[in-house]
Amino acid sequence: MFRPYKPYIPRDLSEVLDLVCGMMITWPKFIDGTGYFPGKNIDTTFYQLNEGLGIIRAELGEKLYVKLMEMSDRMYAHFDADPDEKTGDALKGQKILSKMEDLLMQAAQKI
């Protein structure tokens, strides 16, 4: 019997970047393929992302933080609309995710 899944909230920029890189592997459903985390899904993943971004908000600066949160909202909508990759929305979400990764990498280089 598995314990309820409790998502880990990233505590710094490096951990948020790790989460985003991991999201590149599990999109569009964000389900754990190993079976170790049966409660992991799109909602828990975006909760982790948004909470992590909130923690590093001051480090990112307000302008970048707002941009990343808007990107997160758009990504969620695309992935949620196309979990089976049939309409093209999931691919749109993946492109936003890739851009988010680039922005976070640039931010990490500045710090």
PDB file of N, CA and C in Angstrom:
ATOM      1  N   MET A   1       0.839  -1.191   0.000  1.00  0.00           N
ATOM      2  CA  MET A   1       0.000   0.000   0.000  1.00  0.00           C
ATOM      3  C   MET A   1       0.877   1.244   0.000  1.00  0.00           C
ATOM      4  N   PHE A   2       0.524   2.170  -0.858  1.00  0.00           N
ATOM      5  CA  PHE A   2       1.293   3.394  -0.981  1.00  0.00           C
ATOM      6  C   PHE A   2       0.746   4.484  -0.069  1.00  0.00           C
ATOM      7  N   ARG A   3       1.673   5.297   0.410  1.00  0.00           N
ATOM      8  CA  ARG A   3       1.259   6.470   1.176  1.00  0.00           C
ATOM      9  C   ARG A   3       0.727   7.510   0.206  1.00  0.00           C
ATOM     10  N   PRO A   4      -0.123   8.413   0.689  1.00  0.00           N
ATOM     11  CA  PRO A   4      -0.599   9.487  -0.194  1.00  0.00           C
ATOM     12  C   PRO A   4       0.591  10.299  -0.711  1.00  0.00           C
ATOM     13  N   TYR A   5       0.492  10.714  -1.950  1.00  0.00           N
ATOM     14  CA  TYR A   5       1.569  11.481  -2.558  1.00  0.00           C
ATOM     15  C   TYR A   5       1.581  12.886  -2.011  1.00  0.00           C
ATOM     16  N   LYS A   6       2.724  13.304  -1.507  1.00  0.00           N
ATOM     17  CA  LYS A   6       2.906  14.667  -1.021  1.00  0.00           C
ATOM     18  C   LYS A   6       3.993  15.302  -1.879  1.00  0.00           C
ATOM     19  N   PRO A   7       3.613  16.230  -2.750  1.00  0.00           N
ATOM     20  CA  PRO A   7       4.604  16.807  -3.663  1.00  0.00           C
ATOM     21  C   PRO A   7       5.667  17.612  -2.927  1.00  0.00           C
ATOM     22  N   TYR A   8       6.894  17.475  -3.374  1.00  0.00           N
ATOM     23  CA  TYR A   8       8.006  18.241  -2.827  1.00  0.00           C
ATOM     24  C   TYR A   8       7.989  19.625  -3.463  1.00  0.00           C
ATOM     25  N   ILE A   9       8.086  20.635  -2.647  1.00  0.00           N
ATOM     26  CA  ILE A   9       8.108  22.017  -3.144  1.00  0.00           C
ATOM     27  C   ILE A   9       9.561  22.460  -3.293  1.00  0.00           C
ATOM     28  N   PRO A  10       9.957  22.843  -4.503  1.00  0.00           N
ATOM     29  CA  PRO A  10      11.333  23.310  -4.712  1.00  0.00           C
ATOM     30  C   PRO A  10      11.620  24.531  -3.841  1.00  0.00           C
ATOM     31  N   ARG A  11      12.826  24.587  -3.280  1.00  0.00           N
ATOM     32  CA  ARG A  11      13.179  25.646  -2.335  1.00  0.00           C
ATOM     33  C   ARG A  11      14.113  26.712  -2.916  1.00  0.00           C
ATOM     34  N   ASP A  12      14.678  26.451  -4.100  1.00  0.00           N
ATOM     35  CA  ASP A  12      15.576  27.439  -4.700  1.00  0.00           C
ATOM     36  C   ASP A  12      15.515  27.323  -6.223  1.00  0.00           C
ATOM     37  N   LEU A  13      16.210  28.215  -6.879  1.00  0.00           N
ATOM     38  CA  LEU A  13      16.170  28.274  -8.345  1.00  0.00           C
ATOM     39  C   LEU A  13      16.642  26.966  -8.971  1.00  0.00           C
ATOM     40  N   SER A  14      17.677  26.389  -8.423  1.00  0.00           N
ATOM     41  CA  SER A  14      18.196  25.130  -8.952  1.00  0.00           C
ATOM     42  C   SER A  14      17.145  24.026  -8.885  1.00  0.00           C
ATOM     43  N   GLU A  15      16.430  23.954  -7.797  1.00  0.00           N
ATOM     44  CA  GLU A  15      15.398  22.925  -7.648  1.00  0.00           C
ATOM     45  C   GLU A  15      14.200  23.183  -8.557  1.00  0.00           C
ATOM     46  N   VAL A  16      13.847  24.438  -8.760  1.00  0.00           N
ATOM     47  CA  VAL A  16      12.760  24.759  -9.699  1.00  0.00           C
ATOM     48  C   VAL A  16      13.187  24.349 -11.109  1.00  0.00           C
ATOM     49  N   LEU A  17      14.413  24.635 -11.457  1.00  0.00           N
ATOM     50  CA  LEU A  17      14.922  24.247 -12.770  1.00  0.00           C
ATOM     51  C   LEU A  17      14.928  22.726 -12.919  1.00  0.00           C
ATOM     52  N   ASP A  18      15.306  22.011 -11.859  1.00  0.00           N
ATOM     53  CA  ASP A  18      15.254  20.543 -11.894  1.00  0.00           C
ATOM     54  C   ASP A  18      13.828  20.052 -12.130  1.00  0.00           C
ATOM     55  N   LEU A  19      12.870  20.677 -11.469  1.00  0.00           N
ATOM     56  CA  LEU A  19      11.470  20.295 -11.641  1.00  0.00           C
ATOM     57  C   LEU A  19      11.036  20.515 -13.090  1.00  0.00           C
ATOM     58  N   VAL A  20      11.365  21.669 -13.641  1.00  0.00           N
ATOM     59  CA  VAL A  20      10.985  21.980 -15.019  1.00  0.00           C
ATOM     60  C   VAL A  20      11.622  20.977 -15.987  1.00  0.00           C
ATOM     61  N   CYS A  21      12.874  20.642 -15.760  1.00  0.00           N
ATOM     62  CA  CYS A  21      13.534  19.641 -16.610  1.00  0.00           C
ATOM     63  C   CYS A  21      12.827  18.288 -16.495  1.00  0.00           C
ATOM     64  N   GLY A  22      12.405  17.936 -15.305  1.00  0.00           N
ATOM     65  CA  GLY A  22      11.660  16.694 -15.112  1.00  0.00           C
ATOM     66  C   GLY A  22      10.307  16.726 -15.796  1.00  0.00           C
ATOM     67  N   MET A  23       9.705  17.891 -15.833  1.00  0.00           N
ATOM     68  CA  MET A  23       8.414  18.043 -16.506  1.00  0.00           C
ATOM     69  C   MET A  23       8.548  17.776 -17.996  1.00  0.00           C
ATOM     70  N   MET A  24       9.735  18.032 -18.548  1.00  0.00           N
ATOM     71  CA  MET A  24       9.967  17.792 -19.967  1.00  0.00           C
ATOM     72  C   MET A  24       9.835  16.299 -20.290  1.00  0.00           C
ATOM     73  N   ILE A  25      10.031  15.460 -19.308  1.00  0.00           N
ATOM     74  CA  ILE A  25       9.970  14.010 -19.506  1.00  0.00           C
ATOM     75  C   ILE A  25       8.547  13.474 -19.333  1.00  0.00           C
ATOM     76  N   THR A  26       7.774  14.093 -18.452  1.00  0.00           N
ATOM     77  CA  THR A  26       6.474  13.513 -18.094  1.00  0.00           C
ATOM     78  C   THR A  26       5.263  14.200 -18.715  1.00  0.00           C
ATOM     79  N   TRP A  27       5.469  15.230 -19.538  1.00  0.00           N
ATOM     80  CA  TRP A  27       4.317  15.902 -20.140  1.00  0.00           C
ATOM     81  C   TRP A  27       3.616  14.963 -21.094  1.00  0.00           C
ATOM     82  N   PRO A  28       2.363  15.062 -21.399  1.00  0.00           N
ATOM     83  CA  PRO A  28       1.396  16.068 -20.976  1.00  0.00           C
ATOM     84  C   PRO A  28       0.592  15.683 -19.731  1.00  0.00           C
ATOM     85  N   LYS A  29       0.717  14.433 -19.263  1.00  0.00           N
ATOM     86  CA  LYS A  29      -0.105  14.004 -18.122  1.00  0.00           C
ATOM     87  C   LYS A  29       0.597  14.171 -16.781  1.00  0.00           C
ATOM     88  N   PHE A  30       1.931  14.207 -16.796  1.00  0.00           N
ATOM     89  CA  PHE A  30       2.731  14.384 -15.591  1.00  0.00           C
ATOM     90  C   PHE A  30       2.486  13.273 -14.564  1.00  0.00           C
ATOM     91  N   ILE A  31       2.345  12.071 -15.065  1.00  0.00           N
ATOM     92  CA  ILE A  31       2.123  10.905 -14.204  1.00  0.00           C
ATOM     93  C   ILE A  31       3.447  10.168 -14.057  1.00  0.00           C
ATOM     94  N   ASP A  32       3.700   9.673 -12.853  1.00  0.00           N
ATOM     95  CA  ASP A  32       4.914   8.922 -12.581  1.00  0.00           C
ATOM     96  C   ASP A  32       4.798   7.529 -13.184  1.00  0.00           C
ATOM     97  N   GLY A  33       5.668   7.221 -14.127  1.00  0.00           N
ATOM     98  CA  GLY A  33       5.626   5.934 -14.798  1.00  0.00           C
ATOM     99  C   GLY A  33       6.201   4.787 -13.979  1.00  0.00           C
ATOM    100  N   THR A  34       6.900   5.108 -12.887  1.00  0.00           N
ATOM    101  CA  THR A  34       7.512   4.054 -12.079  1.00  0.00           C
ATOM    102  C   THR A  34       6.517   3.388 -11.139  1.00  0.00           C
ATOM    103  N   GLY A  35       5.450   4.087 -10.820  1.00  0.00           N
ATOM    104  CA  GLY A  35       4.481   3.551  -9.874  1.00  0.00           C
ATOM    105  C   GLY A  35       4.773   3.904  -8.428  1.00  0.00           C
ATOM    106  N   TYR A  36       5.895   4.549  -8.164  1.00  0.00           N
ATOM    107  CA  TYR A  36       6.248   4.916  -6.789  1.00  0.00           C
ATOM    108  C   TYR A  36       5.423   6.088  -6.260  1.00  0.00           C
ATOM    109  N   PHE A  37       4.924   6.904  -7.155  1.00  0.00           N
ATOM    110  CA  PHE A  37       4.161   8.081  -6.751  1.00  0.00           C
ATOM    111  C   PHE A  37       2.804   8.080  -7.463  1.00  0.00           C
ATOM    112  N   PRO A  38       1.898   7.215  -7.044  1.00  0.00           N
ATOM    113  CA  PRO A  38       0.628   7.077  -7.761  1.00  0.00           C
ATOM    114  C   PRO A  38      -0.259   8.321  -7.723  1.00  0.00           C
ATOM    115  N   GLY A  39      -0.021   9.240  -6.807  1.00  0.00           N
ATOM    116  CA  GLY A  39      -0.821  10.457  -6.732  1.00  0.00           C
ATOM    117  C   GLY A  39      -0.269  11.604  -7.555  1.00  0.00           C
ATOM    118  N   LYS A  40       0.874  11.394  -8.193  1.00  0.00           N
ATOM    119  CA  LYS A  40       1.483  12.455  -8.991  1.00  0.00           C
ATOM    120  C   LYS A  40       0.675  12.641 -10.271  1.00  0.00           C
ATOM    121  N   ASN A  41       0.342  13.889 -10.566  1.00  0.00           N
ATOM    122  CA  ASN A  41      -0.452  14.183 -11.755  1.00  0.00           C
ATOM    123  C   ASN A  41      -0.233  15.637 -12.165  1.00  0.00           C
ATOM    124  N   ILE A  42      -0.981  16.084 -13.118  1.00  0.00           N
ATOM    125  CA  ILE A  42      -0.829  17.453 -13.617  1.00  0.00           C
ATOM    126  C   ILE A  42      -1.068  18.484 -12.510  1.00  0.00           C
ATOM    127  N   ASP A  43      -2.058  18.236 -11.661  1.00  0.00           N
ATOM    128  CA  ASP A  43      -2.360  19.205 -10.606  1.00  0.00           C
ATOM    129  C   ASP A  43      -1.244  19.291  -9.570  1.00  0.00           C
ATOM    130  N   THR A  44      -0.717  18.148  -9.136  1.00  0.00           N
ATOM    131  CA  THR A  44       0.348  18.176  -8.134  1.00  0.00           C
ATOM    132  C   THR A  44       1.630  18.757  -8.726  1.00  0.00           C
ATOM    133  N   THR A  45       1.886  18.482  -9.990  1.00  0.00           N
ATOM    134  CA  THR A  45       3.094  19.001 -10.636  1.00  0.00           C
ATOM    135  C   THR A  45       3.043  20.520 -10.760  1.00  0.00           C
ATOM    136  N   PHE A  46       1.914  21.051 -11.192  1.00  0.00           N
ATOM    137  CA  PHE A  46       1.818  22.504 -11.328  1.00  0.00           C
ATOM    138  C   PHE A  46       1.719  23.190  -9.968  1.00  0.00           C
ATOM    139  N   TYR A  47       1.219  22.492  -8.961  1.00  0.00           N
ATOM    140  CA  TYR A  47       1.257  23.022  -7.594  1.00  0.00           C
ATOM    141  C   TYR A  47       2.722  23.185  -7.173  1.00  0.00           C
ATOM    142  N   GLN A  48       3.532  22.152  -7.422  1.00  0.00           N
ATOM    143  CA  GLN A  48       4.956  22.225  -7.101  1.00  0.00           C
ATOM    144  C   GLN A  48       5.615  23.405  -7.819  1.00  0.00           C
ATOM    145  N   LEU A  49       5.355  23.519  -9.102  1.00  0.00           N
ATOM    146  CA  LEU A  49       5.964  24.574  -9.900  1.00  0.00           C
ATOM    147  C   LEU A  49       5.573  25.951  -9.385  1.00  0.00           C
ATOM    148  N   ASN A  50       4.295  26.180  -9.211  1.00  0.00           N
ATOM    149  CA  ASN A  50       3.827  27.506  -8.804  1.00  0.00           C
ATOM    150  C   ASN A  50       4.291  27.869  -7.397  1.00  0.00           C
ATOM    151  N   GLU A  51       4.273  26.910  -6.494  1.00  0.00           N
ATOM    152  CA  GLU A  51       4.758  27.184  -5.132  1.00  0.00           C
ATOM    153  C   GLU A  51       6.261  27.449  -5.147  1.00  0.00           C
ATOM    154  N   GLY A  52       6.991  26.674  -5.936  1.00  0.00           N
ATOM    155  CA  GLY A  52       8.429  26.890  -6.046  1.00  0.00           C
ATOM    156  C   GLY A  52       8.757  28.255  -6.625  1.00  0.00           C
ATOM    157  N   LEU A  53       8.028  28.648  -7.651  1.00  0.00           N
ATOM    158  CA  LEU A  53       8.240  29.986  -8.216  1.00  0.00           C
ATOM    159  C   LEU A  53       7.945  31.060  -7.171  1.00  0.00           C
ATOM    160  N   GLY A  54       6.932  30.834  -6.359  1.00  0.00           N
ATOM    161  CA  GLY A  54       6.611  31.791  -5.303  1.00  0.00           C
ATOM    162  C   GLY A  54       7.738  31.929  -4.293  1.00  0.00           C
ATOM    163  N   ILE A  55       8.386  30.827  -3.983  1.00  0.00           N
ATOM    164  CA  ILE A  55       9.488  30.854  -3.017  1.00  0.00           C
ATOM    165  C   ILE A  55      10.677  31.655  -3.549  1.00  0.00           C
ATOM    166  N   ILE A  56      10.928  31.558  -4.854  1.00  0.00           N
ATOM    167  CA  ILE A  56      12.088  32.263  -5.425  1.00  0.00           C
ATOM    168  C   ILE A  56      11.694  33.581  -6.103  1.00  0.00           C
ATOM    169  N   ARG A  57      10.522  34.055  -5.812  1.00  0.00           N
ATOM    170  CA  ARG A  57       9.996  35.274  -6.440  1.00  0.00           C
ATOM    171  C   ARG A  57      10.955  36.456  -6.335  1.00  0.00           C
ATOM    172  N   ALA A  58      11.453  36.717  -5.146  1.00  0.00           N
ATOM    173  CA  ALA A  58      12.355  37.865  -4.957  1.00  0.00           C
ATOM    174  C   ALA A  58      13.644  37.678  -5.743  1.00  0.00           C
ATOM    175  N   GLU A  59      14.130  36.452  -5.802  1.00  0.00           N
ATOM    176  CA  GLU A  59      15.361  36.150  -6.524  1.00  0.00           C
ATOM    177  C   GLU A  59      15.178  36.360  -8.037  1.00  0.00           C
ATOM    178  N   LEU A  60      13.989  36.018  -8.527  1.00  0.00           N
ATOM    179  CA  LEU A  60      13.700  36.159  -9.958  1.00  0.00           C
ATOM    180  C   LEU A  60      13.461  37.607 -10.357  1.00  0.00           C
ATOM    181  N   GLY A  61      12.895  38.370  -9.452  1.00  0.00           N
ATOM    182  CA  GLY A  61      12.438  39.712  -9.774  1.00  0.00           C
ATOM    183  C   GLY A  61      10.983  39.639 -10.192  1.00  0.00           C
ATOM    184  N   GLU A  62      10.253  40.691  -9.908  1.00  0.00           N
ATOM    185  CA  GLU A  62       8.803  40.678 -10.123  1.00  0.00           C
ATOM    186  C   GLU A  62       8.413  40.473 -11.588  1.00  0.00           C
ATOM    187  N   LYS A  63       9.114  41.115 -12.486  1.00  0.00           N
ATOM    188  CA  LYS A  63       8.764  41.011 -13.907  1.00  0.00           C
ATOM    189  C   LYS A  63       8.892  39.572 -14.412  1.00  0.00           C
ATOM    190  N   LEU A  64      10.003  38.924 -14.112  1.00  0.00           N
ATOM    191  CA  LEU A  64      10.207  37.545 -14.555  1.00  0.00           C
ATOM    192  C   LEU A  64       9.249  36.601 -13.835  1.00  0.00           C
ATOM    193  N   TYR A  65       9.028  36.835 -12.557  1.00  0.00           N
ATOM    194  CA  TYR A  65       8.093  35.993 -11.804  1.00  0.00           C
ATOM    195  C   TYR A  65       6.697  36.020 -12.440  1.00  0.00           C
ATOM    196  N   VAL A  66       6.202  37.200 -12.732  1.00  0.00           N
ATOM    197  CA  VAL A  66       4.869  37.332 -13.339  1.00  0.00           C
ATOM    198  C   VAL A  66       4.838  36.629 -14.694  1.00  0.00           C
ATOM    199  N   LYS A  67       5.884  36.806 -15.480  1.00  0.00           N
ATOM    200  CA  LYS A  67       5.950  36.154 -16.791  1.00  0.00           C
ATOM    201  C   LYS A  67       5.923  34.632 -16.643  1.00  0.00           C
ATOM    202  N   LEU A  68       6.687  34.085 -15.717  1.00  0.00           N
ATOM    203  CA  LEU A  68       6.744  32.638 -15.509  1.00  0.00           C
ATOM    204  C   LEU A  68       5.410  32.090 -14.995  1.00  0.00           C
ATOM    205  N   MET A  69       4.741  32.845 -14.152  1.00  0.00           N
ATOM    206  CA  MET A  69       3.428  32.399 -13.658  1.00  0.00           C
ATOM    207  C   MET A  69       2.397  32.398 -14.780  1.00  0.00           C
ATOM    208  N   GLU A  70       2.457  33.396 -15.648  1.00  0.00           N
ATOM    209  CA  GLU A  70       1.556  33.429 -16.805  1.00  0.00           C
ATOM    210  C   GLU A  70       1.845  32.237 -17.724  1.00  0.00           C
ATOM    211  N   MET A  71       3.112  31.937 -17.913  1.00  0.00           N
ATOM    212  CA  MET A  71       3.496  30.788 -18.728  1.00  0.00           C
ATOM    213  C   MET A  71       2.980  29.492 -18.097  1.00  0.00           C
ATOM    214  N   SER A  72       3.088  29.399 -16.791  1.00  0.00           N
ATOM    215  CA  SER A  72       2.603  28.212 -16.085  1.00  0.00           C
ATOM    216  C   SER A  72       1.110  28.025 -16.305  1.00  0.00           C
ATOM    217  N   ASP A  73       0.360  29.105 -16.196  1.00  0.00           N
ATOM    218  CA  ASP A  73      -1.090  29.031 -16.407  1.00  0.00           C
ATOM    219  C   ASP A  73      -1.436  28.590 -17.826  1.00  0.00           C
ATOM    220  N   ARG A  74      -0.729  29.133 -18.801  1.00  0.00           N
ATOM    221  CA  ARG A  74      -0.980  28.749 -20.196  1.00  0.00           C
ATOM    222  C   ARG A  74      -0.597  27.298 -20.451  1.00  0.00           C
ATOM    223  N   MET A  75       0.547  26.886 -19.903  1.00  0.00           N
ATOM    224  CA  MET A  75       0.979  25.492 -20.072  1.00  0.00           C
ATOM    225  C   MET A  75      -0.056  24.536 -19.509  1.00  0.00           C
ATOM    226  N   TYR A  76      -0.490  24.827 -18.287  1.00  0.00           N
ATOM    227  CA  TYR A  76      -1.481  23.957 -17.647  1.00  0.00           C
ATOM    228  C   TYR A  76      -2.710  23.820 -18.539  1.00  0.00           C
ATOM    229  N   ALA A  77      -3.195  24.934 -19.051  1.00  0.00           N
ATOM    230  CA  ALA A  77      -4.397  24.908 -19.896  1.00  0.00           C
ATOM    231  C   ALA A  77      -4.170  24.051 -21.145  1.00  0.00           C
ATOM    232  N   HIS A  78      -3.014  24.183 -21.772  1.00  0.00           N
ATOM    233  CA  HIS A  78      -2.722  23.393 -22.973  1.00  0.00           C
ATOM    234  C   HIS A  78      -2.623  21.905 -22.650  1.00  0.00           C
ATOM    235  N   PHE A  79      -1.874  21.569 -21.616  1.00  0.00           N
ATOM    236  CA  PHE A  79      -1.707  20.154 -21.271  1.00  0.00           C
ATOM    237  C   PHE A  79      -3.022  19.537 -20.813  1.00  0.00           C
ATOM    238  N   ASP A  80      -3.792  20.285 -20.046  1.00  0.00           N
ATOM    239  CA  ASP A  80      -5.074  19.783 -19.542  1.00  0.00           C
ATOM    240  C   ASP A  80      -6.069  19.566 -20.683  1.00  0.00           C
ATOM    241  N   ALA A  81      -5.983  20.400 -21.701  1.00  0.00           N
ATOM    242  CA  ALA A  81      -6.902  20.294 -22.841  1.00  0.00           C
ATOM    243  C   ALA A  81      -6.551  19.137 -23.779  1.00  0.00           C
ATOM    244  N   ASP A  82      -5.323  18.637 -23.695  1.00  0.00           N
ATOM    245  CA  ASP A  82      -4.870  17.630 -24.662  1.00  0.00           C
ATOM    246  C   ASP A  82      -4.000  16.555 -23.999  1.00  0.00           C
ATOM    247  N   PRO A  83      -4.527  15.848 -23.003  1.00  0.00           N
ATOM    248  CA  PRO A  83      -3.704  14.858 -22.297  1.00  0.00           C
ATOM    249  C   PRO A  83      -3.285  13.671 -23.159  1.00  0.00           C
ATOM    250  N   ASP A  84      -3.972  13.436 -24.249  1.00  0.00           N
ATOM    251  CA  ASP A  84      -3.644  12.313 -25.121  1.00  0.00           C
ATOM    252  C   ASP A  84      -2.929  12.738 -26.401  1.00  0.00           C
ATOM    253  N   GLU A  85      -2.510  13.988 -26.451  1.00  0.00           N
ATOM    254  CA  GLU A  85      -1.747  14.534 -27.577  1.00  0.00           C
ATOM    255  C   GLU A  85      -2.442  14.316 -28.921  1.00  0.00           C
ATOM    256  N   LYS A  86      -3.694  14.723 -28.986  1.00  0.00           N
ATOM    257  CA  LYS A  86      -4.464  14.542 -30.220  1.00  0.00           C
ATOM    258  C   LYS A  86      -4.820  15.846 -30.926  1.00  0.00           C
ATOM    259  N   THR A  87      -4.783  16.971 -30.205  1.00  0.00           N
ATOM    260  CA  THR A  87      -5.246  18.223 -30.791  1.00  0.00           C
ATOM    261  C   THR A  87      -4.128  19.230 -31.080  1.00  0.00           C
ATOM    262  N   GLY A  88      -2.935  18.963 -30.588  1.00  0.00           N
ATOM    263  CA  GLY A  88      -1.835  19.903 -30.768  1.00  0.00           C
ATOM    264  C   GLY A  88      -1.641  20.844 -29.589  1.00  0.00           C
ATOM    265  N   ASP A  89      -2.608  20.869 -28.674  1.00  0.00           N
ATOM    266  CA  ASP A  89      -2.464  21.742 -27.507  1.00  0.00           C
ATOM    267  C   ASP A  89      -1.294  21.307 -26.630  1.00  0.00           C
ATOM    268  N   ALA A  90      -1.093  20.011 -26.462  1.00  0.00           N
ATOM    269  CA  ALA A  90       0.008  19.529 -25.621  1.00  0.00           C
ATOM    270  C   ALA A  90       1.351  19.990 -26.171  1.00  0.00           C
ATOM    271  N   LEU A  91       1.495  19.986 -27.471  1.00  0.00           N
ATOM    272  CA  LEU A  91       2.739  20.451 -28.082  1.00  0.00           C
ATOM    273  C   LEU A  91       2.946  21.944 -27.830  1.00  0.00           C
ATOM    274  N   LYS A  92       1.869  22.709 -27.858  1.00  0.00           N
ATOM    275  CA  LYS A  92       1.966  24.139 -27.518  1.00  0.00           C
ATOM    276  C   LYS A  92       2.442  24.305 -26.079  1.00  0.00           C
ATOM    277  N   GLY A  93       1.913  23.485 -25.179  1.00  0.00           N
ATOM    278  CA  GLY A  93       2.346  23.522 -23.788  1.00  0.00           C
ATOM    279  C   GLY A  93       3.813  23.159 -23.649  1.00  0.00           C
ATOM    280  N   GLN A  94       4.268  22.178 -24.412  1.00  0.00           N
ATOM    281  CA  GLN A  94       5.659  21.753 -24.364  1.00  0.00           C
ATOM    282  C   GLN A  94       6.577  22.868 -24.837  1.00  0.00           C
ATOM    283  N   LYS A  95       6.161  23.617 -25.837  1.00  0.00           N
ATOM    284  CA  LYS A  95       6.977  24.737 -26.332  1.00  0.00           C
ATOM    285  C   LYS A  95       7.108  25.822 -25.263  1.00  0.00           C
ATOM    286  N   ILE A  96       6.031  26.073 -24.539  1.00  0.00           N
ATOM    287  CA  ILE A  96       6.086  27.057 -23.449  1.00  0.00           C
ATOM    288  C   ILE A  96       7.001  26.534 -22.339  1.00  0.00           C
ATOM    289  N   LEU A  97       6.907  25.252 -22.049  1.00  0.00           N
ATOM    290  CA  LEU A  97       7.752  24.637 -21.026  1.00  0.00           C
ATOM    291  C   LEU A  97       9.229  24.775 -21.395  1.00  0.00           C
ATOM    292  N   SER A  98       9.551  24.569 -22.647  1.00  0.00           N
ATOM    293  CA  SER A  98      10.925  24.704 -23.112  1.00  0.00           C
ATOM    294  C   SER A  98      11.409  26.147 -22.964  1.00  0.00           C
ATOM    295  N   LYS A  99      10.546  27.096 -23.285  1.00  0.00           N
ATOM    296  CA  LYS A  99      10.901  28.516 -23.127  1.00  0.00           C
ATOM    297  C   LYS A  99      11.097  28.857 -21.652  1.00  0.00           C
ATOM    298  N   MET A 100      10.262  28.277 -20.786  1.00  0.00           N
ATOM    299  CA  MET A 100      10.409  28.509 -19.348  1.00  0.00           C
ATOM    300  C   MET A 100      11.761  27.990 -18.872  1.00  0.00           C
ATOM    301  N   GLU A 101      12.141  26.824 -19.351  1.00  0.00           N
ATOM    302  CA  GLU A 101      13.440  26.260 -18.985  1.00  0.00           C
ATOM    303  C   GLU A 101      14.555  27.226 -19.394  1.00  0.00           C
ATOM    304  N   ASP A 102      14.470  27.762 -20.608  1.00  0.00           N
ATOM    305  CA  ASP A 102      15.479  28.716 -21.080  1.00  0.00           C
ATOM    306  C   ASP A 102      15.547  29.952 -20.184  1.00  0.00           C
ATOM    307  N   LEU A 103      14.399  30.497 -19.823  1.00  0.00           N
ATOM    308  CA  LEU A 103      14.367  31.696 -18.972  1.00  0.00           C
ATOM    309  C   LEU A 103      14.957  31.419 -17.594  1.00  0.00           C
ATOM    310  N   LEU A 104      14.646  30.252 -17.033  1.00  0.00           N
ATOM    311  CA  LEU A 104      15.198  29.901 -15.730  1.00  0.00           C
ATOM    312  C   LEU A 104      16.699  29.675 -15.793  1.00  0.00           C
ATOM    313  N   MET A 105      17.173  29.099 -16.879  1.00  0.00           N
ATOM    314  CA  MET A 105      18.615  28.905 -17.051  1.00  0.00           C
ATOM    315  C   MET A 105      19.336  30.256 -17.166  1.00  0.00           C
ATOM    316  N   GLN A 106      18.711  31.174 -17.888  1.00  0.00           N
ATOM    317  CA  GLN A 106      19.302  32.513 -17.993  1.00  0.00           C
ATOM    318  C   GLN A 106      19.334  33.195 -16.636  1.00  0.00           C
ATOM    319  N   ALA A 107      18.277  33.049 -15.868  1.00  0.00           N
ATOM    320  CA  ALA A 107      18.226  33.636 -14.532  1.00  0.00           C
ATOM    321  C   ALA A 107      19.303  33.032 -13.634  1.00  0.00           C
ATOM    322  N   ALA A 108      19.507  31.728 -13.743  1.00  0.00           N
ATOM    323  CA  ALA A 108      20.518  31.054 -12.926  1.00  0.00           C
ATOM    324  C   ALA A 108      21.919  31.540 -13.276  1.00  0.00           C
ATOM    325  N   GLN A 109      22.156  31.851 -14.526  1.00  0.00           N
ATOM    326  CA  GLN A 109      23.477  32.330 -14.942  1.00  0.00           C
ATOM    327  C   GLN A 109      23.766  33.727 -14.405  1.00  0.00           C
ATOM    328  N   LYS A 110      22.720  34.510 -14.162  1.00  0.00           N
ATOM    329  CA  LYS A 110      22.891  35.871 -13.677  1.00  0.00           C
ATOM    330  C   LYS A 110      23.134  35.916 -12.166  1.00  0.00           C
ATOM    331  N   ILE A 111      22.754  34.851 -11.501  1.00  0.00           N
ATOM    332  CA  ILE A 111      22.835  34.854 -10.024  1.00  0.00           C
ATOM    333  C   ILE A 111      24.157  34.278  -9.554  1.00  0.00           C
TER     334      ILE A 111
END
